[in-house]
Amino acid sequence: MAVTKAAPRESEPTSGPGQNAGPGPDAGPGPDTRPGSDTGPGPDTRPGPDTGPKPDTRPGHDSESPRRLNSPLALTLLLVFMVVAQDSIRRVLSAPVMQSWMTVFVAVVIQALPFLVLGVLLSAAIAVFVPPSFFARALPKRPALAVPVAGVAGAVLPGCECASVPVAGALVRRGVTPAAALAFLLSAPAINPIVLTATAVAFPNDPEMVFARFVASLLVACAMGWLWQRLGRADWLRLPARAAYDGQSKGAAFWGSVRHDVMHAGGFLVIGAMAAATLKAVVPEEWLRMAAGNPVVSVLALAVLAVLLSICSEADAFVAASLSQFSLTARLAFLVVGPMVDLKLFAMQAGTFGRGFALRFAPTTFVLGVTVAVLTGAVLL
């Protein structure tokens, strides 16, 4: 019986002679036609940087950052307040106590301001235009001799304490022995010609005050330098960073230093003048006489006051002269301690040489300054 072979179904591929059962050249993978797939090159539809959330532009909505209190706004508010409350302000200022307070305040500021400005200009010029390598070449190689030379150098190089800290930091960074740099740091703001001239003007009837201040301050500066050379350790002193004005032009660095020192020293001068005026006008006279009558209390009180007020050395003599209830020795302690130890100096020394250094150096300087001032006052005053 003949068997009839079934014809292949149309859905089955036939394989026979001349037929290729595998994929042919045109049987490669076709384009992916699944939903969501990209079937060919087209425009990039990814969200761009400008497709993010837009600021809220609804009426009454402020899209900017909240307004902050700045200097012009504060001044405007102050002027408005003074206009509104002018009657009350006039009555307060016309009181006898306020009249006395304003007289002392204005007198101290006007007397001290020219010396402050001159000292700031000279200290900025020295810090910017005199290279630190000059000091390294001028100082002796032996630290024991470099300390007094650096201390005396402070007498001929004017500068306030705000400038002496960065200058001393630059000296250490350039290789000057730390003992000599610290002696210069203490002597420069205390015995320079501007400070001594201001002291002579503030104490016209006591010329010995100028010599006493010079001797006591120089002795403290040299003693602290020798003490550091003897007992100081390298790990107590952090190598200071580069100055903030390095890399700028001489003119830009000079005016930047002037602006910085005027703002800081001027602010402390105002605070010192306010404190002196308050002591004269508000504090009862018998309290001041009681404190001034005890030699130990008077010296310690004015030494602590010098630390708290943080007055620039070009102006502190006028504040000390206004404290006429106290003895010359107590006021000498005020003038010796102030340029060497105060709140702003502690912060600057901690920032330049490290907090560990400032915690050791400032208290030691305070004790030595008070001791030397008392001994010097007992001999010269």
Protein backbone atom coordinates (compact mmCIF):
# COMPACT_ATOMS: atom_id res chain seq x y z
CA MET A 1 0.00 0.00 0.00
CA ALA A 2 1.43 3.33 -0.96
CA VAL A 3 2.07 5.79 1.86
CA THR A 4 1.35 9.36 1.08
CA LYS A 5 3.80 11.77 2.73
CA ALA A 6 2.14 14.67 4.47
CA ALA A 7 2.97 18.04 3.11
CA PRO A 8 4.77 20.27 5.51
CA ARG A 9 2.69 22.81 7.33
CA GLU A 10 3.21 26.40 6.44
CA SER A 11 4.25 27.20 10.00
CA GLU A 12 7.16 24.71 10.00
CA PRO A 13 10.39 25.54 8.27
CA THR A 14 11.44 23.11 5.60
CA SER A 15 14.95 21.80 5.45
CA GLY A 16 16.15 20.31 2.38
CA PRO A 17 18.82 20.58 -0.18
CA GLY A 18 19.54 24.22 -0.87
CA GLN A 19 17.67 25.41 2.18
CA ASN A 20 19.44 26.91 5.22
CA ALA A 21 17.96 25.79 8.51
CA GLY A 22 19.88 28.41 10.56
CA PRO A 23 19.44 32.11 10.51
CA GLY A 24 20.27 33.74 7.27
CA PRO A 25 22.08 36.99 6.69
CA ASP A 26 18.86 38.93 7.00
CA ALA A 27 17.60 36.94 9.95
CA GLY A 28 19.48 38.96 12.60
CA PRO A 29 17.76 40.55 15.51
CA GLY A 30 15.34 43.21 14.49
CA PRO A 31 14.46 46.35 16.25
CA ASP A 32 13.04 46.01 19.75
CA THR A 33 9.40 46.79 19.45
CA ARG A 34 8.50 46.33 23.10
CA PRO A 35 6.52 49.14 24.63
CA GLY A 36 8.70 51.88 25.99
CA SER A 37 11.80 50.88 24.01
CA ASP A 38 13.65 53.29 21.79
CA THR A 39 13.18 52.12 18.22
CA GLY A 40 15.78 54.34 16.73
CA PRO A 41 17.85 57.45 17.17
CA GLY A 42 15.66 60.38 18.07
CA PRO A 43 15.72 63.50 20.07
CA ASP A 44 17.01 63.21 23.66
CA THR A 45 13.96 63.41 25.85
CA ARG A 46 15.79 63.20 29.21
CA PRO A 47 14.91 66.04 31.58
CA GLY A 48 17.39 68.87 31.32
CA PRO A 49 18.67 71.19 34.04
CA ASP A 50 15.86 73.64 33.38
CA THR A 51 13.06 71.09 33.88
CA GLY A 52 13.36 71.04 37.69
CA PRO A 53 10.92 72.67 40.07
CA LYS A 54 10.21 76.28 39.33
CA PRO A 55 10.12 78.93 42.06
CA ASP A 56 6.73 79.75 43.42
CA THR A 57 5.54 82.86 41.61
CA ARG A 58 2.19 83.13 43.28
CA PRO A 59 1.25 86.63 44.35
CA GLY A 60 2.48 87.46 47.83
CA HIS A 61 5.11 84.71 47.82
CA ASP A 62 8.69 85.97 48.26
CA SER A 63 11.03 83.66 46.38
CA GLU A 64 14.17 85.43 47.62
CA SER A 65 16.03 84.67 50.84
CA PRO A 66 14.69 86.36 53.95
CA ARG A 67 15.95 89.90 54.44
CA ARG A 68 18.61 90.25 57.12
CA LEU A 69 19.53 93.17 59.34
CA ASN A 70 22.49 94.95 57.77
CA SER A 71 24.36 98.13 58.65
CA PRO A 72 22.28 100.62 56.59
CA LEU A 73 19.05 99.14 57.90
CA ALA A 74 20.32 99.22 61.49
CA LEU A 75 21.40 102.86 61.09
CA THR A 76 18.03 103.77 59.64
CA LEU A 77 16.21 102.11 62.52
CA LEU A 78 18.48 103.87 65.01
CA LEU A 79 17.81 107.28 63.42
CA VAL A 80 14.07 106.64 63.41
CA PHE A 81 14.20 105.68 67.08
CA MET A 82 16.18 108.81 67.95
CA VAL A 83 13.67 111.01 66.13
CA VAL A 84 10.70 109.35 67.83
CA ALA A 85 12.29 109.39 71.30
CA GLN A 86 14.13 112.70 71.01
CA ASP A 87 12.33 114.28 73.97
CA SER A 88 13.24 111.42 76.30
CA ILE A 89 16.82 111.34 75.00
CA ARG A 90 17.14 115.10 75.56
CA ARG A 91 15.97 114.79 79.16
CA VAL A 92 18.42 111.93 79.84
CA LEU A 93 21.39 113.77 78.33
CA SER A 94 20.61 116.93 80.28
CA ALA A 95 20.99 115.13 83.62
CA PRO A 96 24.15 116.14 85.57
CA VAL A 97 25.42 112.55 85.66
CA MET A 98 25.22 112.23 81.88
CA GLN A 99 26.86 115.62 81.40
CA SER A 100 29.80 114.46 83.49
CA TRP A 101 29.87 111.11 81.67
CA MET A 102 29.90 112.74 78.22
CA THR A 103 32.63 115.19 79.24
CA VAL A 104 35.01 112.43 80.36
CA PHE A 105 34.15 110.19 77.38
CA VAL A 106 34.71 112.88 74.75
CA ALA A 107 37.90 114.10 76.43
CA VAL A 108 39.46 110.62 76.49
CA VAL A 109 38.52 109.85 72.88
CA ILE A 110 39.70 113.18 71.46
CA GLN A 111 43.02 113.00 73.33
CA ALA A 112 43.74 109.40 72.35
CA LEU A 113 42.48 109.29 68.75
CA PRO A 114 45.45 111.07 67.05
CA PHE A 115 47.96 108.74 68.74
CA LEU A 116 45.82 105.74 67.85
CA VAL A 117 45.69 106.65 64.15
CA LEU A 118 49.42 107.44 64.01
CA GLY A 119 50.30 104.19 65.74
CA VAL A 120 48.10 102.16 63.40
CA LEU A 121 49.64 103.77 60.31
CA LEU A 122 53.20 103.17 61.51
CA SER A 123 52.52 99.60 62.62
CA ALA A 124 50.92 98.78 59.27
CA ALA A 125 53.89 100.28 57.41
CA ILE A 126 56.35 98.22 59.45
CA ALA A 127 54.35 95.02 59.13
CA VAL A 128 54.03 95.38 55.34
CA PHE A 129 57.14 97.19 54.11
CA VAL A 130 59.82 95.90 56.52
CA PRO A 131 60.63 92.30 55.58
CA PRO A 132 60.82 89.83 58.46
CA SER A 133 64.22 88.71 57.17
CA PHE A 134 65.54 92.08 58.34
CA PHE A 135 64.93 91.11 61.95
CA ALA A 136 66.50 87.70 61.44
CA ARG A 137 69.68 89.33 60.11
CA ALA A 138 69.76 92.05 62.78
CA LEU A 139 69.33 89.78 65.82
CA PRO A 140 72.30 87.94 67.37
CA LYS A 141 72.52 84.23 66.81
CA ARG A 142 72.68 83.41 70.52
CA PRO A 143 69.14 83.40 71.99
CA ALA A 144 70.31 84.84 75.35
CA LEU A 145 71.59 87.95 73.54
CA ALA A 146 68.81 88.04 70.96
CA VAL A 147 66.14 88.49 73.67
CA PRO A 148 67.28 91.90 74.99
CA VAL A 149 68.11 93.11 71.49
CA ALA A 150 64.60 92.21 70.32
CA GLY A 151 63.16 93.86 73.41
CA VAL A 152 65.02 97.11 72.74
CA ALA A 153 64.01 96.90 69.07
CA GLY A 154 60.42 97.32 70.20
CA ALA A 155 61.36 100.78 71.50
CA VAL A 156 62.31 102.03 68.05
CA LEU A 157 59.67 100.25 65.98
CA PRO A 158 56.21 101.67 66.72
CA GLY A 159 53.30 99.28 66.66
CA CYS A 160 50.19 98.45 68.64
CA GLU A 161 49.54 95.04 70.15
CA CYS A 162 47.17 94.21 67.27
CA ALA A 163 50.15 94.38 64.89
CA SER A 164 52.82 92.91 67.20
CA VAL A 165 51.23 89.43 67.27
CA PRO A 166 51.30 88.86 63.47
CA VAL A 167 54.79 90.41 63.24
CA ALA A 168 56.05 88.06 65.95
CA GLY A 169 54.39 85.18 64.11
CA ALA A 170 56.20 86.16 60.92
CA LEU A 171 59.51 86.27 62.81
CA VAL A 172 59.03 82.74 64.14
CA ARG A 173 58.00 81.54 60.68
CA ARG A 174 61.21 83.03 59.21
CA GLY A 175 63.44 81.20 61.70
CA VAL A 176 63.91 83.77 64.50
CA THR A 177 64.27 82.11 67.90
CA PRO A 178 60.88 82.09 69.66
CA ALA A 179 62.32 83.67 72.82
CA ALA A 180 63.39 86.78 70.89
CA ALA A 181 60.12 86.94 68.93
CA LEU A 182 58.11 86.82 72.17
CA ALA A 183 60.24 89.56 73.73
CA PHE A 184 59.52 91.74 70.71
CA LEU A 185 55.81 90.84 70.91
CA LEU A 186 55.62 92.21 74.46
CA SER A 187 57.90 95.23 74.15
CA ALA A 188 56.82 96.71 70.81
CA PRO A 189 53.33 97.84 71.88
CA ALA A 190 54.48 98.97 75.34
CA ILE A 191 57.63 101.08 74.92
CA ASN A 192 57.56 102.43 71.37
CA PRO A 193 57.89 106.22 70.84
CA ILE A 194 54.18 106.75 70.12
CA VAL A 195 53.13 105.10 73.39
CA LEU A 196 55.75 106.93 75.45
CA THR A 197 54.80 110.27 73.91
CA ALA A 198 51.13 109.61 74.64
CA THR A 199 52.06 108.74 78.24
CA ALA A 200 53.96 112.02 78.60
CA VAL A 201 50.96 113.96 77.28
CA ALA A 202 48.54 112.10 79.55
CA PHE A 203 50.72 112.64 82.67
CA PRO A 204 52.13 116.17 82.24
CA ASN A 205 52.67 116.59 86.00
CA ASP A 206 54.30 113.17 86.47
CA PRO A 207 57.15 112.84 83.95
CA GLU A 208 58.63 109.95 85.92
CA MET A 209 55.65 107.88 84.76
CA VAL A 210 57.15 107.69 81.27
CA PHE A 211 60.48 106.31 82.49
CA ALA A 212 58.78 103.92 84.90
CA ARG A 213 56.60 102.52 82.13
CA PHE A 214 59.61 102.08 79.84
CA VAL A 215 61.71 100.28 82.45
CA ALA A 216 58.95 98.01 83.79
CA SER A 217 57.69 96.98 80.35
CA LEU A 218 61.18 96.27 79.01
CA LEU A 219 62.03 94.19 82.08
CA VAL A 220 58.85 92.11 81.69
CA ALA A 221 59.47 91.56 77.97
CA CYS A 222 63.07 90.41 78.48
CA ALA A 223 62.19 88.28 81.52
CA MET A 224 59.43 86.49 79.58
CA GLY A 225 61.82 85.90 76.67
CA TRP A 226 64.49 84.40 78.93
CA LEU A 227 61.87 82.40 80.82
CA TRP A 228 60.60 80.88 77.56
CA GLN A 229 64.14 80.10 76.46
CA ARG A 230 64.74 78.31 79.77
CA LEU A 231 61.45 76.50 80.30
CA GLY A 232 59.58 76.64 77.00
CA ARG A 233 59.02 73.52 74.93
CA ALA A 234 58.71 73.24 71.18
CA ASP A 235 55.40 71.39 71.33
CA TRP A 236 53.83 74.28 73.28
CA LEU A 237 54.32 76.66 70.39
CA ARG A 238 52.49 76.04 67.13
CA LEU A 239 54.21 77.33 64.01
CA PRO A 240 52.04 80.25 62.86
CA ALA A 241 50.32 80.16 59.51
CA ARG A 242 51.13 82.62 56.76
CA ALA A 243 49.89 86.17 57.19
CA ALA A 244 46.46 87.04 55.82
CA TYR A 245 47.91 89.64 53.44
CA ASP A 246 50.63 87.45 51.91
CA GLY A 247 50.40 87.45 48.13
CA GLN A 248 48.75 90.87 47.87
CA SER A 249 50.37 94.04 46.63
CA LYS A 250 52.09 96.30 49.15
CA GLY A 251 49.42 98.97 48.86
CA ALA A 252 46.52 96.55 49.27
CA ALA A 253 48.18 94.87 52.25
CA PHE A 254 48.94 98.24 53.87
CA TRP A 255 45.41 99.61 53.61
CA GLY A 256 43.92 96.27 54.56
CA SER A 257 46.03 96.24 57.73
CA VAL A 258 45.10 99.87 58.48
CA ARG A 259 41.37 99.20 58.09
CA HIS A 260 41.56 96.10 60.27
CA ASP A 261 43.53 97.78 63.07
CA VAL A 262 41.47 100.99 63.04
CA MET A 263 38.20 99.07 63.33
CA HIS A 264 39.46 96.85 66.14
CA ALA A 265 41.57 99.37 68.07
CA GLY A 266 38.99 102.14 67.61
CA GLY A 267 36.23 99.94 68.99
CA PHE A 268 38.28 99.04 72.05
CA LEU A 269 39.16 102.71 72.55
CA VAL A 270 35.47 103.59 72.67
CA ILE A 271 34.83 100.78 75.16
CA GLY A 272 37.72 101.97 77.33
CA ALA A 273 36.56 105.57 77.24
CA MET A 274 33.03 104.48 78.19
CA ALA A 275 34.39 102.45 81.12
CA ALA A 276 36.54 105.34 82.34
CA ALA A 277 33.60 107.75 82.08
CA THR A 278 31.35 105.32 83.95
CA LEU A 279 33.87 104.93 86.76
CA LYS A 280 34.17 108.71 87.08
CA ALA A 281 30.47 109.59 86.79
CA VAL A 282 28.45 106.62 88.01
CA VAL A 283 30.49 104.65 90.55
CA PRO A 284 30.20 106.29 93.99
CA GLU A 285 33.28 108.25 94.97
CA GLU A 286 33.64 106.47 98.31
CA TRP A 287 33.84 103.09 96.53
CA LEU A 288 36.72 104.27 94.39
CA ARG A 289 38.46 105.80 97.41
CA MET A 290 38.02 102.55 99.32
CA ALA A 291 39.55 100.50 96.49
CA ALA A 292 42.29 103.05 95.90
CA GLY A 293 43.12 103.25 99.61
CA ASN A 294 44.23 99.61 99.76
CA PRO A 295 47.54 99.25 97.85
CA VAL A 296 47.05 95.56 97.05
CA VAL A 297 43.41 95.91 95.98
CA SER A 298 44.13 99.00 93.86
CA VAL A 299 46.94 97.33 91.93
CA LEU A 300 45.01 94.13 91.31
CA ALA A 301 41.82 96.02 90.42
CA LEU A 302 43.49 98.14 87.74
CA ALA A 303 45.49 95.17 86.40
CA VAL A 304 42.31 93.15 85.96
CA LEU A 305 40.57 96.20 84.50
CA ALA A 306 43.35 96.49 81.90
CA VAL A 307 42.76 92.87 80.87
CA LEU A 308 39.01 93.33 80.57
CA LEU A 309 39.01 96.68 78.75
CA SER A 310 41.61 95.60 76.12
CA ILE A 311 42.46 99.20 75.18
CA CYS A 312 45.01 99.87 72.45
CA SER A 313 48.39 100.85 73.91
CA GLU A 314 48.40 104.19 72.08
CA ALA A 315 45.30 105.23 74.05
CA ASP A 316 45.50 103.49 77.43
CA ALA A 317 47.56 106.25 79.08
CA PHE A 318 44.65 108.69 78.81
CA VAL A 319 42.28 106.19 80.44
CA ALA A 320 44.82 105.58 83.23
CA ALA A 321 45.27 109.33 83.75
CA SER A 322 41.51 109.74 84.20
CA LEU A 323 41.59 107.27 87.14
CA SER A 324 43.09 109.91 89.42
CA GLN A 325 41.77 108.28 92.60
CA PHE A 326 44.35 105.50 92.29
CA SER A 327 48.05 105.72 93.03
CA LEU A 328 50.70 106.07 90.35
CA THR A 329 51.88 102.53 91.09
CA ALA A 330 48.41 101.10 90.51
CA ARG A 331 48.09 103.04 87.26
CA LEU A 332 51.56 101.85 86.26
CA ALA A 333 50.32 98.27 86.66
CA PHE A 334 47.42 99.19 84.37
CA LEU A 335 49.87 100.51 81.74
CA VAL A 336 52.29 97.56 82.00
CA VAL A 337 49.73 94.75 81.97
CA GLY A 338 47.34 96.20 79.35
CA PRO A 339 49.61 96.05 76.25
CA MET A 340 50.79 92.54 77.17
CA VAL A 341 47.73 90.70 78.48
CA ASP A 342 44.12 91.41 77.55
CA LEU A 343 41.17 89.60 76.05
CA LYS A 344 41.84 90.42 72.42
CA LEU A 345 45.55 89.63 72.78
CA PHE A 346 44.74 86.26 74.30
CA ALA A 347 42.48 85.45 71.35
CA MET A 348 45.10 86.60 68.82
CA GLN A 349 47.90 84.66 70.53
CA ALA A 350 45.76 81.53 70.67
CA GLY A 351 44.94 81.87 66.98
CA THR A 352 48.56 82.50 65.98
CA PHE A 353 50.57 80.22 68.26
CA GLY A 354 47.95 77.81 69.58
CA ARG A 355 45.64 77.69 72.59
CA GLY A 356 48.13 75.69 74.67
CA PHE A 357 50.68 78.46 74.26
CA ALA A 358 48.22 81.21 75.20
CA LEU A 359 47.00 79.34 78.31
CA ARG A 360 50.58 79.20 79.61
CA PHE A 361 51.94 82.51 78.32
CA ALA A 362 49.15 84.95 79.30
CA PRO A 363 48.82 84.06 83.02
CA THR A 364 52.60 84.05 83.48
CA THR A 365 52.88 87.44 81.80
CA PHE A 366 50.09 88.83 84.00
CA VAL A 367 51.76 87.74 87.25
CA LEU A 368 55.18 88.94 86.14
CA GLY A 369 53.76 92.25 84.87
CA VAL A 370 52.03 93.03 88.16
CA THR A 371 55.11 92.07 90.18
CA VAL A 372 57.53 94.14 88.10
CA ALA A 373 55.16 97.13 88.04
CA VAL A 374 54.90 97.13 91.84
CA LEU A 375 58.67 96.88 92.28
CA THR A 376 59.34 99.57 89.67
CA GLY A 377 56.72 101.86 91.18
CA ALA A 378 58.23 101.44 94.64
CA VAL A 379 61.62 102.53 93.31
CA LEU A 380 60.78 105.19 90.71
CA LEU A 381 57.39 106.54 91.81
